[in-house]
N, C-alpha and C. Protein backbone atom coordinates (compact mmCIF):
# COMPACT_ATOMS: atom_id res chain seq x y z
N MET A 1 5.91 9.91 15.82
CA MET A 1 5.64 9.33 14.57
C MET A 1 4.97 10.15 13.72
N ILE A 2 5.27 9.95 12.32
CA ILE A 2 4.85 10.92 11.36
C ILE A 2 3.38 10.97 11.20
N THR A 3 2.61 9.88 11.63
CA THR A 3 1.34 9.80 11.44
C THR A 3 0.71 10.51 12.47
N ASP A 4 1.31 10.86 13.68
CA ASP A 4 0.61 11.75 14.62
C ASP A 4 0.48 13.32 14.42
N ARG A 5 1.12 13.57 13.19
CA ARG A 5 1.04 15.04 13.02
C ARG A 5 -0.38 15.18 12.36
N SER A 6 -0.71 16.55 12.17
CA SER A 6 -1.98 16.70 11.37
C SER A 6 -1.80 16.70 9.93
N LEU A 7 -2.79 16.61 9.13
CA LEU A 7 -2.60 16.56 7.82
C LEU A 7 -1.92 17.80 7.24
N GLU A 8 -2.19 18.89 7.52
CA GLU A 8 -1.50 20.09 7.04
C GLU A 8 0.12 19.95 7.43
N GLU A 9 0.54 19.56 8.73
CA GLU A 9 1.70 19.35 9.10
C GLU A 9 2.57 18.31 8.08
N TYR A 10 1.75 17.11 7.86
CA TYR A 10 2.35 16.04 6.85
C TYR A 10 2.50 16.60 5.38
N VAL A 11 1.68 17.32 4.96
CA VAL A 11 1.82 17.85 3.61
C VAL A 11 2.80 18.87 3.52
N THR A 12 2.97 19.58 4.56
CA THR A 12 4.09 20.82 4.65
C THR A 12 5.46 19.99 4.73
N LYS A 13 5.58 19.01 5.48
CA LYS A 13 6.70 18.28 5.50
C LYS A 13 7.16 17.54 4.30
N VAL A 14 6.08 16.93 3.44
CA VAL A 14 6.42 16.58 2.27
C VAL A 14 6.97 17.41 1.17
N ALA A 15 6.35 18.61 1.19
CA ALA A 15 6.88 19.66 0.40
C ALA A 15 7.93 20.30 0.67
N SER A 16 8.67 20.11 1.91
CA SER A 16 9.84 20.57 2.21
C SER A 16 11.05 20.05 1.46
N GLY A 17 12.25 20.34 1.88
CA GLY A 17 13.42 19.76 1.17
C GLY A 17 13.94 18.60 1.76
N ASP A 18 13.27 18.06 2.92
CA ASP A 18 13.79 16.97 3.49
C ASP A 18 13.36 15.58 2.55
N PRO A 19 14.09 14.48 2.54
CA PRO A 19 13.94 13.51 1.76
C PRO A 19 12.72 12.63 2.26
N THR A 20 12.29 12.73 3.74
CA THR A 20 11.27 11.89 4.19
C THR A 20 10.37 12.96 4.98
N PRO A 21 8.88 12.56 4.79
CA PRO A 21 8.48 11.45 4.14
C PRO A 21 8.55 11.73 2.66
N GLY A 22 8.69 10.73 1.97
CA GLY A 22 8.77 10.66 0.42
C GLY A 22 7.69 10.00 -0.29
N GLY A 23 7.95 9.32 -1.49
CA GLY A 23 7.03 8.69 -2.26
C GLY A 23 6.46 7.52 -1.59
N GLY A 24 7.23 6.80 -1.03
CA GLY A 24 6.74 5.61 -0.28
C GLY A 24 5.83 5.69 0.70
N SER A 25 6.06 6.60 1.54
CA SER A 25 5.16 6.97 2.72
C SER A 25 3.99 7.58 2.10
N VAL A 26 4.03 8.48 1.09
CA VAL A 26 2.81 9.11 0.44
C VAL A 26 1.96 7.98 -0.25
N ALA A 27 2.65 7.08 -0.97
CA ALA A 27 1.92 5.74 -1.45
C ALA A 27 1.03 5.05 -0.51
N ALA A 28 1.71 4.67 0.55
CA ALA A 28 0.93 4.04 1.74
C ALA A 28 -0.11 4.82 2.13
N LEU A 29 -0.08 6.21 2.21
CA LEU A 29 -1.05 7.13 2.75
C LEU A 29 -2.32 6.99 1.78
N ALA A 30 -1.86 6.80 0.34
CA ALA A 30 -2.97 6.88 -0.58
C ALA A 30 -3.69 5.54 -0.30
N GLY A 31 -2.96 4.48 -0.34
CA GLY A 31 -3.75 3.26 0.10
C GLY A 31 -4.34 2.98 1.17
N SER A 32 -4.04 3.95 2.34
CA SER A 32 -4.87 3.94 3.41
C SER A 32 -6.04 4.79 3.24
N LEU A 33 -5.95 6.00 2.79
CA LEU A 33 -7.15 6.62 2.22
C LEU A 33 -8.19 5.98 1.56
N GLY A 34 -7.42 5.28 0.48
CA GLY A 34 -8.58 4.36 -0.50
C GLY A 34 -9.19 3.33 0.27
N THR A 35 -8.40 2.76 1.39
CA THR A 35 -9.14 1.64 1.97
C THR A 35 -10.03 2.41 3.15
N ALA A 36 -9.80 3.55 3.65
CA ALA A 36 -10.80 4.21 4.49
C ALA A 36 -12.04 4.82 3.85
N LEU A 37 -12.04 5.04 2.52
CA LEU A 37 -13.19 5.29 1.64
C LEU A 37 -14.05 4.00 1.51
N THR A 38 -13.49 2.94 1.35
CA THR A 38 -14.09 1.61 1.12
C THR A 38 -14.82 1.37 2.48
N SER A 39 -14.13 1.57 3.63
CA SER A 39 -14.69 1.27 4.92
C SER A 39 -16.09 2.36 5.21
N MET A 40 -15.81 3.40 4.68
CA MET A 40 -17.04 4.52 4.66
C MET A 40 -18.12 3.75 3.99
N VAL A 41 -18.03 3.28 2.87
CA VAL A 41 -18.95 2.63 1.96
C VAL A 41 -19.71 1.47 2.72
N GLY A 42 -19.02 0.59 3.47
CA GLY A 42 -19.33 -0.37 4.36
C GLY A 42 -20.17 0.07 5.40
N ASN A 43 -19.79 1.21 6.34
CA ASN A 43 -20.45 1.59 7.32
C ASN A 43 -21.89 2.44 6.65
N LEU A 44 -21.95 2.74 5.48
CA LEU A 44 -23.25 3.33 5.03
C LEU A 44 -23.97 2.09 4.34
N THR A 45 -23.74 0.88 4.23
CA THR A 45 -24.21 -0.21 3.82
C THR A 45 -24.90 -1.05 4.91
N ILE A 46 -24.00 -1.69 5.64
CA ILE A 46 -24.06 -2.48 6.46
C ILE A 46 -25.12 -2.35 7.60
N GLY A 47 -26.37 -2.99 7.62
CA GLY A 47 -27.34 -2.74 8.61
C GLY A 47 -28.49 -1.82 8.16
N LYS A 48 -28.21 -1.42 6.74
CA LYS A 48 -29.25 -0.52 6.16
C LYS A 48 -30.22 -1.58 5.36
N LYS A 49 -31.24 -1.08 4.92
CA LYS A 49 -32.39 -1.69 4.25
C LYS A 49 -31.80 -2.71 3.16
N ALA A 50 -31.21 -2.06 2.05
CA ALA A 50 -30.57 -2.73 1.02
C ALA A 50 -29.77 -3.81 1.47
N TYR A 51 -29.13 -3.55 2.49
CA TYR A 51 -28.07 -4.69 3.15
C TYR A 51 -28.85 -5.99 3.45
N GLU A 52 -30.13 -5.63 4.11
CA GLU A 52 -30.84 -6.73 4.60
C GLU A 52 -31.62 -7.76 3.86
N GLU A 53 -31.62 -6.87 2.49
CA GLU A 53 -32.40 -7.64 1.50
C GLU A 53 -31.19 -8.71 0.48
N LEU A 54 -29.86 -8.42 0.92
CA LEU A 54 -28.80 -9.18 0.31
C LEU A 54 -28.96 -10.77 0.94
N SER A 55 -28.48 -11.82 0.19
CA SER A 55 -28.46 -12.99 0.40
C SER A 55 -27.65 -13.11 1.66
N ALA A 56 -27.70 -14.22 2.52
CA ALA A 56 -26.94 -14.56 3.82
C ALA A 56 -25.40 -14.71 3.43
N ASP A 57 -25.13 -15.30 2.25
CA ASP A 57 -23.84 -15.31 1.78
C ASP A 57 -23.00 -14.08 1.60
N VAL A 58 -23.67 -13.32 0.95
CA VAL A 58 -23.19 -11.85 0.57
C VAL A 58 -22.89 -11.20 1.66
N LYS A 59 -23.74 -11.08 2.61
CA LYS A 59 -23.95 -10.21 3.88
C LYS A 59 -22.81 -10.78 4.69
N GLU A 60 -22.52 -12.13 4.59
CA GLU A 60 -21.36 -12.61 5.63
C GLU A 60 -20.09 -12.36 4.75
N ASN A 61 -20.05 -12.34 3.54
CA ASN A 61 -18.70 -11.84 2.71
C ASN A 61 -18.40 -10.36 3.04
N MET A 62 -19.53 -9.28 2.90
CA MET A 62 -19.36 -8.09 3.52
C MET A 62 -18.86 -7.93 4.77
N ASP A 63 -19.65 -8.56 5.77
CA ASP A 63 -18.98 -8.34 7.16
C ASP A 63 -17.62 -8.80 7.26
N ASP A 64 -17.14 -9.71 6.67
CA ASP A 64 -15.81 -10.28 7.01
C ASP A 64 -14.87 -9.36 6.26
N ASP A 65 -15.11 -8.92 5.00
CA ASP A 65 -14.26 -8.23 4.32
C ASP A 65 -14.28 -6.87 4.95
N PHE A 66 -15.37 -6.17 5.46
CA PHE A 66 -15.34 -4.98 6.16
C PHE A 66 -14.48 -5.01 7.44
N ALA A 67 -14.38 -6.18 8.08
CA ALA A 67 -13.48 -6.38 9.41
C ALA A 67 -12.05 -6.34 8.82
N GLU A 68 -11.90 -6.94 7.82
CA GLU A 68 -10.49 -6.94 7.09
C GLU A 68 -10.01 -5.53 6.75
N LEU A 69 -10.93 -4.62 6.42
CA LEU A 69 -10.54 -3.37 5.89
C LEU A 69 -9.99 -2.78 7.09
N GLN A 70 -10.44 -2.97 8.15
CA GLN A 70 -10.04 -1.93 9.32
C GLN A 70 -8.48 -2.39 9.73
N LYS A 71 -8.25 -3.75 9.34
CA LYS A 71 -6.94 -4.22 9.88
C LYS A 71 -6.04 -3.39 8.84
N SER A 72 -6.31 -3.54 7.55
CA SER A 72 -5.48 -2.92 6.29
C SER A 72 -5.40 -1.61 6.66
N ILE A 73 -6.16 -0.57 7.00
CA ILE A 73 -5.84 0.61 7.52
C ILE A 73 -4.97 0.74 8.49
N GLU A 74 -5.09 -0.03 9.47
CA GLU A 74 -4.05 0.06 10.54
C GLU A 74 -2.51 -0.36 10.08
N ARG A 75 -2.48 -1.44 9.19
CA ARG A 75 -1.21 -1.73 8.49
C ARG A 75 -0.63 -0.90 7.84
N LEU A 76 -1.40 -0.17 7.17
CA LEU A 76 -0.76 0.95 6.06
C LEU A 76 -0.75 2.12 6.81
N ASN A 77 -1.27 2.51 7.60
CA ASN A 77 -0.91 3.62 8.62
C ASN A 77 0.47 3.36 9.12
N ARG A 78 0.71 2.32 9.59
CA ARG A 78 2.02 2.11 10.27
C ARG A 78 3.15 2.00 9.27
N ILE A 79 2.86 1.73 8.04
CA ILE A 79 3.94 1.89 6.86
C ILE A 79 4.25 3.21 6.48
N VAL A 80 3.11 4.14 6.54
CA VAL A 80 3.18 5.59 6.30
C VAL A 80 4.44 6.05 7.11
N HIS A 81 4.45 5.54 8.41
CA HIS A 81 5.61 5.94 9.23
C HIS A 81 7.00 5.19 8.96
N GLU A 82 6.75 3.92 8.76
CA GLU A 82 7.94 2.87 8.72
C GLU A 82 8.57 3.40 7.61
N ASP A 83 8.13 3.90 6.40
CA ASP A 83 8.75 3.94 5.21
C ASP A 83 9.85 5.21 5.62
N THR A 84 9.29 6.07 6.29
CA THR A 84 10.46 7.21 6.66
C THR A 84 11.76 6.85 7.07
N THR A 85 11.79 5.83 7.95
CA THR A 85 13.07 5.13 8.55
C THR A 85 13.53 3.83 7.71
N ALA A 86 12.70 3.49 6.64
CA ALA A 86 13.41 2.28 6.13
C ALA A 86 14.81 2.31 5.43
N PHE A 87 15.23 3.57 5.03
CA PHE A 87 16.42 3.76 4.42
C PHE A 87 17.48 3.85 5.57
N ASP A 88 17.16 4.01 6.76
CA ASP A 88 18.20 4.34 7.59
C ASP A 88 19.37 3.27 7.71
N GLY A 89 18.98 1.91 7.54
CA GLY A 89 19.96 0.93 7.66
C GLY A 89 20.93 1.08 6.62
N VAL A 90 20.81 1.60 5.33
CA VAL A 90 21.50 1.88 4.51
C VAL A 90 22.36 2.83 4.68
N MET A 91 21.81 4.08 5.13
CA MET A 91 22.60 5.01 5.52
C MET A 91 23.62 4.90 6.44
N GLN A 92 23.35 4.17 7.69
CA GLN A 92 24.19 3.71 8.66
C GLN A 92 25.42 2.75 8.05
N ALA A 93 24.97 1.71 7.21
CA ALA A 93 25.89 0.84 6.63
C ALA A 93 26.95 1.76 5.74
N PHE A 94 26.84 2.66 5.19
CA PHE A 94 27.62 3.36 4.29
C PHE A 94 28.55 4.16 5.30
N LYS A 95 28.32 4.33 6.45
CA LYS A 95 29.12 5.04 7.49
C LYS A 95 30.11 4.05 8.07
N LEU A 96 30.11 2.63 7.84
CA LEU A 96 30.96 1.63 8.50
C LEU A 96 32.35 1.80 7.93
N PRO A 97 33.39 1.38 8.63
CA PRO A 97 34.70 1.70 8.29
C PRO A 97 35.19 0.63 7.30
N ARG A 98 36.00 1.15 6.30
CA ARG A 98 36.40 0.20 5.09
C ARG A 98 37.97 0.25 4.99
N GLU A 99 38.75 0.21 6.09
CA GLU A 99 40.13 0.16 5.92
C GLU A 99 40.72 -1.20 5.43
N THR A 100 40.26 -2.27 5.98
CA THR A 100 40.75 -3.56 5.74
C THR A 100 39.61 -4.31 4.73
N GLU A 101 40.15 -5.37 4.20
CA GLU A 101 39.55 -6.17 3.54
C GLU A 101 38.23 -6.72 4.23
N GLU A 102 38.31 -7.06 5.60
CA GLU A 102 37.50 -7.36 6.29
C GLU A 102 36.25 -6.72 6.58
N GLU A 103 36.72 -5.50 6.85
CA GLU A 103 35.74 -4.26 7.08
C GLU A 103 35.08 -3.96 5.74
N LYS A 104 35.79 -4.23 4.70
CA LYS A 104 34.97 -3.54 3.39
C LYS A 104 33.83 -4.81 3.05
N ALA A 105 34.02 -5.91 3.47
CA ALA A 105 33.28 -7.07 3.21
C ALA A 105 32.14 -7.02 4.13
N LYS A 106 32.16 -6.67 5.40
CA LYS A 106 31.25 -6.33 6.41
C LYS A 106 30.29 -5.15 5.99
N ARG A 107 31.04 -4.09 5.54
CA ARG A 107 30.38 -2.96 5.00
C ARG A 107 29.34 -3.27 3.95
N SER A 108 29.94 -3.96 2.82
CA SER A 108 29.24 -4.32 1.70
C SER A 108 28.06 -5.12 2.04
N ALA A 109 28.18 -6.12 2.94
CA ALA A 109 27.18 -7.05 3.44
C ALA A 109 26.24 -6.28 4.11
N ALA A 110 26.52 -5.40 5.08
CA ALA A 110 25.54 -4.52 5.54
C ALA A 110 24.60 -3.63 4.67
N ILE A 111 25.33 -3.03 3.60
CA ILE A 111 24.51 -2.27 2.70
C ILE A 111 23.73 -3.07 1.96
N GLN A 112 23.86 -4.25 1.50
CA GLN A 112 23.09 -5.18 0.81
C GLN A 112 21.88 -5.54 1.74
N GLU A 113 22.27 -5.81 3.07
CA GLU A 113 21.09 -6.19 3.72
C GLU A 113 20.17 -4.86 3.98
N GLY A 114 20.74 -3.63 4.03
CA GLY A 114 19.98 -2.53 4.26
C GLY A 114 18.81 -2.26 3.21
N TYR A 115 19.53 -2.45 1.80
CA TYR A 115 18.76 -2.34 0.85
C TYR A 115 17.45 -3.36 0.62
N LYS A 116 17.80 -4.37 1.26
CA LYS A 116 16.72 -5.43 1.16
C LYS A 116 15.73 -5.05 2.36
N VAL A 117 16.04 -4.55 3.39
CA VAL A 117 15.16 -3.91 4.24
C VAL A 117 14.29 -2.71 3.75
N ALA A 118 15.03 -2.08 3.15
CA ALA A 118 14.33 -0.74 2.44
C ALA A 118 13.52 -1.05 1.54
N LEU A 119 13.66 -2.15 0.82
CA LEU A 119 12.35 -2.41 -0.21
C LEU A 119 11.34 -3.24 0.43
N GLU A 120 11.73 -3.96 1.55
CA GLU A 120 10.54 -4.75 2.00
C GLU A 120 9.37 -4.16 2.56
N VAL A 121 9.86 -2.85 3.11
CA VAL A 121 8.71 -2.02 3.38
C VAL A 121 7.79 -1.67 2.45
N PRO A 122 8.15 -0.95 1.44
CA PRO A 122 7.13 -0.66 0.27
C PRO A 122 6.54 -1.86 -0.22
N LEU A 123 7.21 -2.96 -0.44
CA LEU A 123 6.53 -4.17 -0.69
C LEU A 123 5.46 -4.48 0.11
N ARG A 124 5.62 -4.46 1.50
CA ARG A 124 4.31 -4.77 2.03
C ARG A 124 3.31 -4.10 1.89
N ALA A 125 3.44 -2.77 1.66
CA ALA A 125 2.40 -1.74 1.34
C ALA A 125 1.86 -2.02 -0.02
N ALA A 126 2.46 -2.47 -1.01
CA ALA A 126 1.86 -3.01 -2.45
C ALA A 126 1.08 -4.32 -2.03
N GLU A 127 1.76 -5.09 -1.22
CA GLU A 127 0.81 -6.39 -1.11
C GLU A 127 -0.54 -6.15 -0.35
N GLU A 128 -0.48 -5.01 0.87
CA GLU A 128 -1.44 -4.74 1.30
C GLU A 128 -2.44 -4.17 0.49
N CYS A 129 -2.06 -3.06 -0.60
CA CYS A 129 -3.03 -2.41 -1.32
C CYS A 129 -3.71 -3.45 -2.40
N TYR A 130 -2.76 -4.49 -2.78
CA TYR A 130 -3.47 -5.63 -3.56
C TYR A 130 -4.45 -6.32 -2.71
N ARG A 131 -4.16 -6.57 -1.54
CA ARG A 131 -5.23 -7.19 -0.81
C ARG A 131 -6.51 -6.48 -0.63
N VAL A 132 -6.46 -5.01 -0.73
CA VAL A 132 -7.61 -4.23 -0.29
C VAL A 132 -8.54 -4.24 -1.64
N LEU A 133 -7.84 -4.23 -2.76
CA LEU A 133 -8.26 -4.20 -3.83
C LEU A 133 -9.32 -5.46 -4.23
N GLU A 134 -8.69 -6.67 -3.77
CA GLU A 134 -9.59 -7.79 -3.55
C GLU A 134 -10.82 -7.51 -2.66
N LEU A 135 -10.72 -7.01 -1.30
CA LEU A 135 -11.63 -6.68 -0.58
C LEU A 135 -12.79 -5.76 -1.27
N GLN A 136 -12.39 -4.86 -2.14
CA GLN A 136 -13.38 -3.98 -2.48
C GLN A 136 -14.42 -4.55 -3.41
N ARG A 137 -14.39 -5.86 -4.00
CA ARG A 137 -15.20 -6.21 -4.87
C ARG A 137 -16.75 -6.53 -4.43
N VAL A 138 -16.85 -6.72 -3.08
CA VAL A 138 -18.14 -6.95 -2.61
C VAL A 138 -18.99 -5.72 -2.42
N PHE A 139 -18.12 -4.45 -2.19
CA PHE A 139 -18.66 -3.13 -1.96
C PHE A 139 -18.86 -2.37 -3.15
N ALA A 140 -18.05 -2.99 -4.32
CA ALA A 140 -18.37 -2.43 -5.84
C ALA A 140 -19.63 -3.07 -6.18
N ASP A 141 -19.96 -4.22 -5.86
CA ASP A 141 -21.07 -4.89 -6.37
C ASP A 141 -22.35 -4.81 -5.52
N HIS A 142 -22.25 -4.80 -4.36
CA HIS A 142 -23.39 -4.53 -3.41
C HIS A 142 -23.39 -3.29 -2.36
N GLY A 143 -22.34 -2.48 -2.45
CA GLY A 143 -22.45 -1.51 -1.52
C GLY A 143 -23.42 -0.58 -1.78
N ASN A 144 -23.61 0.46 -0.90
CA ASN A 144 -24.76 1.57 -1.14
C ASN A 144 -24.52 2.47 -2.25
N VAL A 145 -25.49 2.22 -3.24
CA VAL A 145 -25.40 2.97 -4.51
C VAL A 145 -25.11 4.37 -4.34
N ASN A 146 -25.60 5.09 -3.48
CA ASN A 146 -25.21 6.42 -3.32
C ASN A 146 -23.81 6.91 -2.91
N ALA A 147 -23.15 5.68 -2.66
CA ALA A 147 -21.57 6.08 -2.20
C ALA A 147 -20.91 5.52 -3.03
N ILE A 148 -21.45 4.89 -4.36
CA ILE A 148 -20.53 4.27 -5.11
C ILE A 148 -19.23 4.93 -5.90
N THR A 149 -19.45 5.97 -5.80
CA THR A 149 -18.39 6.90 -6.42
C THR A 149 -17.20 6.94 -5.44
N ASP A 150 -17.63 6.69 -4.22
CA ASP A 150 -16.46 6.51 -3.22
C ASP A 150 -15.56 5.19 -3.20
N VAL A 151 -16.40 4.12 -3.88
CA VAL A 151 -15.73 2.83 -4.12
C VAL A 151 -14.68 3.26 -5.16
N GLY A 152 -15.19 3.96 -6.33
CA GLY A 152 -14.28 4.50 -7.35
C GLY A 152 -13.25 5.07 -7.05
N VAL A 153 -13.30 6.21 -6.40
CA VAL A 153 -12.13 6.96 -5.65
C VAL A 153 -11.11 6.16 -4.91
N GLY A 154 -11.68 5.33 -4.04
CA GLY A 154 -11.00 4.48 -3.34
C GLY A 154 -10.13 3.44 -4.08
N ALA A 155 -10.64 2.85 -5.15
CA ALA A 155 -9.80 1.92 -6.05
C ALA A 155 -8.72 2.70 -6.63
N LEU A 156 -9.11 4.13 -7.12
CA LEU A 156 -7.99 4.59 -7.79
C LEU A 156 -6.80 4.86 -6.77
N LEU A 157 -7.36 5.47 -5.47
CA LEU A 157 -6.02 5.65 -4.57
C LEU A 157 -5.36 4.37 -4.21
N ILE A 158 -6.07 3.39 -4.15
CA ILE A 158 -5.56 1.90 -3.61
C ILE A 158 -4.42 1.55 -4.79
N ALA A 159 -5.00 1.71 -6.06
CA ALA A 159 -4.13 1.22 -7.05
C ALA A 159 -2.85 2.23 -7.24
N THR A 160 -3.12 3.40 -6.85
CA THR A 160 -2.09 4.39 -6.92
C THR A 160 -1.00 3.95 -5.82
N GLY A 161 -1.48 3.63 -4.62
CA GLY A 161 -0.69 3.11 -3.38
C GLY A 161 0.15 1.86 -3.99
N LEU A 162 -0.36 0.99 -4.59
CA LEU A 162 0.19 -0.20 -4.99
C LEU A 162 1.46 0.19 -6.02
N GLU A 163 1.00 0.80 -7.03
CA GLU A 163 2.08 1.11 -8.20
C GLU A 163 3.09 2.05 -7.32
N GLY A 164 2.69 2.96 -6.76
CA GLY A 164 3.80 3.87 -6.00
C GLY A 164 4.58 3.15 -5.20
N SER A 165 4.09 2.42 -4.52
CA SER A 165 4.97 1.50 -3.50
C SER A 165 6.04 0.62 -4.10
N LEU A 166 5.62 0.15 -5.26
CA LEU A 166 6.61 -0.66 -6.26
C LEU A 166 7.66 0.13 -6.86
N PHE A 167 7.18 1.37 -7.16
CA PHE A 167 8.41 2.36 -7.54
C PHE A 167 9.49 2.35 -6.42
N ASN A 168 9.14 2.40 -5.16
CA ASN A 168 10.18 2.41 -4.18
C ASN A 168 10.84 0.87 -4.00
N VAL A 169 10.09 0.06 -4.38
CA VAL A 169 10.80 -1.41 -4.32
C VAL A 169 11.81 -1.48 -5.50
N ARG A 170 11.35 -0.74 -6.56
CA ARG A 170 12.15 -1.06 -7.73
C ARG A 170 13.54 -0.23 -7.61
N ILE A 171 13.61 0.96 -7.15
CA ILE A 171 14.82 1.70 -7.04
C ILE A 171 15.88 1.06 -5.90
N ASN A 172 15.16 0.66 -4.81
CA ASN A 172 16.07 -0.11 -4.17
C ASN A 172 16.73 -1.55 -4.73
N LEU A 173 15.69 -2.16 -5.36
CA LEU A 173 16.20 -3.29 -6.07
C LEU A 173 17.29 -3.21 -7.00
N LEU A 174 17.34 -2.06 -7.57
CA LEU A 174 18.68 -1.78 -8.49
C LEU A 174 19.94 -1.97 -7.67
N SER A 175 20.15 -1.69 -6.57
CA SER A 175 21.28 -1.89 -5.85
C SER A 175 21.77 -3.12 -5.37
N ILE A 176 20.69 -4.11 -5.58
CA ILE A 176 20.60 -5.51 -5.13
C ILE A 176 21.61 -6.52 -5.67
N LYS A 177 22.52 -6.89 -5.19
CA LYS A 177 23.70 -7.82 -6.24
C LYS A 177 23.00 -9.30 -6.29
N ASP A 178 22.32 -10.02 -5.44
CA ASP A 178 22.05 -11.19 -5.33
C ASP A 178 20.98 -11.32 -6.57
N GLU A 179 21.17 -12.07 -7.44
CA GLU A 179 20.45 -12.23 -8.73
C GLU A 179 19.12 -12.99 -8.47
N GLU A 180 19.46 -14.03 -7.53
CA GLU A 180 18.11 -14.91 -7.14
C GLU A 180 17.03 -14.06 -6.58
N TYR A 181 17.44 -13.43 -5.41
CA TYR A 181 16.67 -12.43 -4.80
C TYR A 181 16.09 -11.43 -5.57
N ARG A 182 16.85 -10.77 -6.59
CA ARG A 182 16.31 -9.61 -7.45
C ARG A 182 15.37 -10.33 -8.19
N ASN A 183 15.41 -11.50 -8.82
CA ASN A 183 14.66 -12.18 -9.57
C ASN A 183 13.35 -12.42 -9.20
N ARG A 184 13.46 -12.73 -7.92
CA ARG A 184 12.20 -13.27 -7.13
C ARG A 184 11.24 -12.03 -6.93
N ILE A 185 11.91 -11.05 -6.44
CA ILE A 185 11.16 -9.93 -6.20
C ILE A 185 10.72 -9.21 -7.52
N GLU A 186 11.42 -9.14 -8.46
CA GLU A 186 10.82 -8.47 -9.82
C GLU A 186 9.92 -9.39 -10.23
N SER A 187 9.70 -10.70 -10.05
CA SER A 187 8.64 -11.49 -10.58
C SER A 187 7.38 -11.24 -9.68
N ARG A 188 7.47 -11.00 -8.53
CA ARG A 188 6.55 -10.60 -7.60
C ARG A 188 5.92 -9.09 -7.89
N MET A 189 6.71 -8.40 -8.24
CA MET A 189 6.54 -7.07 -8.39
C MET A 189 5.48 -7.08 -9.69
N ASN A 190 6.10 -7.75 -10.70
CA ASN A 190 5.20 -7.65 -12.06
C ASN A 190 3.84 -8.08 -11.80
N GLN A 191 3.85 -9.27 -11.02
CA GLN A 191 2.39 -10.09 -10.74
C GLN A 191 1.66 -9.05 -9.94
N LEU A 192 2.14 -8.41 -9.02
CA LEU A 192 1.28 -7.44 -8.10
C LEU A 192 0.69 -6.18 -9.08
N LEU A 193 1.64 -5.95 -9.98
CA LEU A 193 1.27 -4.71 -10.79
C LEU A 193 0.16 -5.16 -11.91
N GLU A 194 0.42 -6.48 -12.48
CA GLU A 194 -0.70 -6.65 -13.59
C GLU A 194 -2.01 -7.28 -12.85
N ASP A 195 -1.75 -7.93 -11.84
CA ASP A 195 -3.20 -8.29 -11.33
C ASP A 195 -3.86 -7.02 -10.48
N GLY A 196 -3.26 -6.29 -9.94
CA GLY A 196 -3.81 -5.15 -9.29
C GLY A 196 -4.50 -4.16 -10.26
N ASN A 197 -3.72 -3.91 -11.40
CA ASN A 197 -4.49 -3.40 -12.41
C ASN A 197 -5.62 -3.75 -12.98
N GLN A 198 -5.75 -5.25 -13.15
CA GLN A 198 -7.04 -5.76 -13.63
C GLN A 198 -8.07 -5.80 -12.52
N LEU A 199 -7.80 -5.98 -11.20
CA LEU A 199 -8.59 -5.49 -10.13
C LEU A 199 -9.37 -4.24 -10.14
N ARG A 200 -8.26 -3.23 -10.26
CA ARG A 200 -8.76 -1.91 -10.48
C ARG A 200 -9.69 -1.51 -11.62
N ASP A 201 -9.43 -2.11 -12.65
CA ASP A 201 -10.28 -1.80 -14.00
C ASP A 201 -11.65 -2.53 -13.58
N SER A 202 -11.64 -3.67 -13.36
CA SER A 202 -12.91 -4.31 -13.06
C SER A 202 -13.88 -3.65 -12.21
N ILE A 203 -13.12 -3.13 -11.04
CA ILE A 203 -13.83 -2.53 -9.92
C ILE A 203 -14.62 -1.19 -10.51
N LEU A 204 -13.70 -0.27 -11.41
CA LEU A 204 -14.11 0.89 -11.98
C LEU A 204 -15.11 0.58 -12.98
N GLU A 205 -15.01 -0.61 -13.81
CA GLU A 205 -16.00 -0.83 -14.65
C GLU A 205 -17.70 -1.03 -14.05
N THR A 206 -17.48 -1.64 -12.87
CA THR A 206 -18.69 -1.84 -11.96
C THR A 206 -19.33 -0.55 -11.19
N VAL A 207 -18.27 0.31 -10.94
CA VAL A 207 -18.76 1.74 -10.42
C VAL A 207 -19.46 2.30 -11.67
N TYR A 208 -19.01 2.34 -12.85
CA TYR A 208 -19.37 3.15 -13.98
C TYR A 208 -20.85 2.53 -14.19
N GLU A 209 -20.86 1.25 -14.24
CA GLU A 209 -22.23 0.44 -14.62
C GLU A 209 -23.25 1.01 -13.54
N ARG A 210 -22.91 0.82 -12.21
CA ARG A 210 -23.97 1.20 -11.35
C ARG A 210 -24.33 2.66 -11.13
N LEU A 211 -23.26 3.60 -11.76
CA LEU A 211 -23.63 5.00 -11.96
C LEU A 211 -24.80 5.27 -12.85
N GLY A 212 -24.82 4.16 -13.91
CA GLY A 212 -25.84 4.37 -14.93
C GLY A 212 -25.34 5.29 -16.05
């Protein structure tokens, strides 16, 4: 798996002439790193003096969201690898025979299905990044103030992961002929980007406020 490599090996591979890992994998990694930074803020907050002074509701919210962050890190890390093979189905479909009308129809259907699979991987990454931006709220508001810039960097990385993932959804969607499916995905993409940017801006505003 690509995630088993060292950071240096991964960066070198990205910089090479190979098409994978590409933007989708890197976007998922950005989201994972941003989530990890938010988790770090949680570790620097939970159980500390300032944490004990929080209300029971806020502490419960932080504890629950901290646990969810760990799951998000795992899911995004898997996508870092999954994205490197997401387009394989399309490539295999293009190799199918097309001598007869039946073969052409089968090949065309396989190509279309391949593109759907290819875009659903980065779409999951975008959905996950959006979820993490929601989880960041309690850490922006109540996380260790000495680590508040880590919340900010995390928000920037997660938002980049979200939008970067959507780039990869969009480029595959261009090849989808199913208009109903295409419209549904486009609508979801637009909503994720709009709402995600609002969450990012709100979190960054809080970060700047707490920085003084």
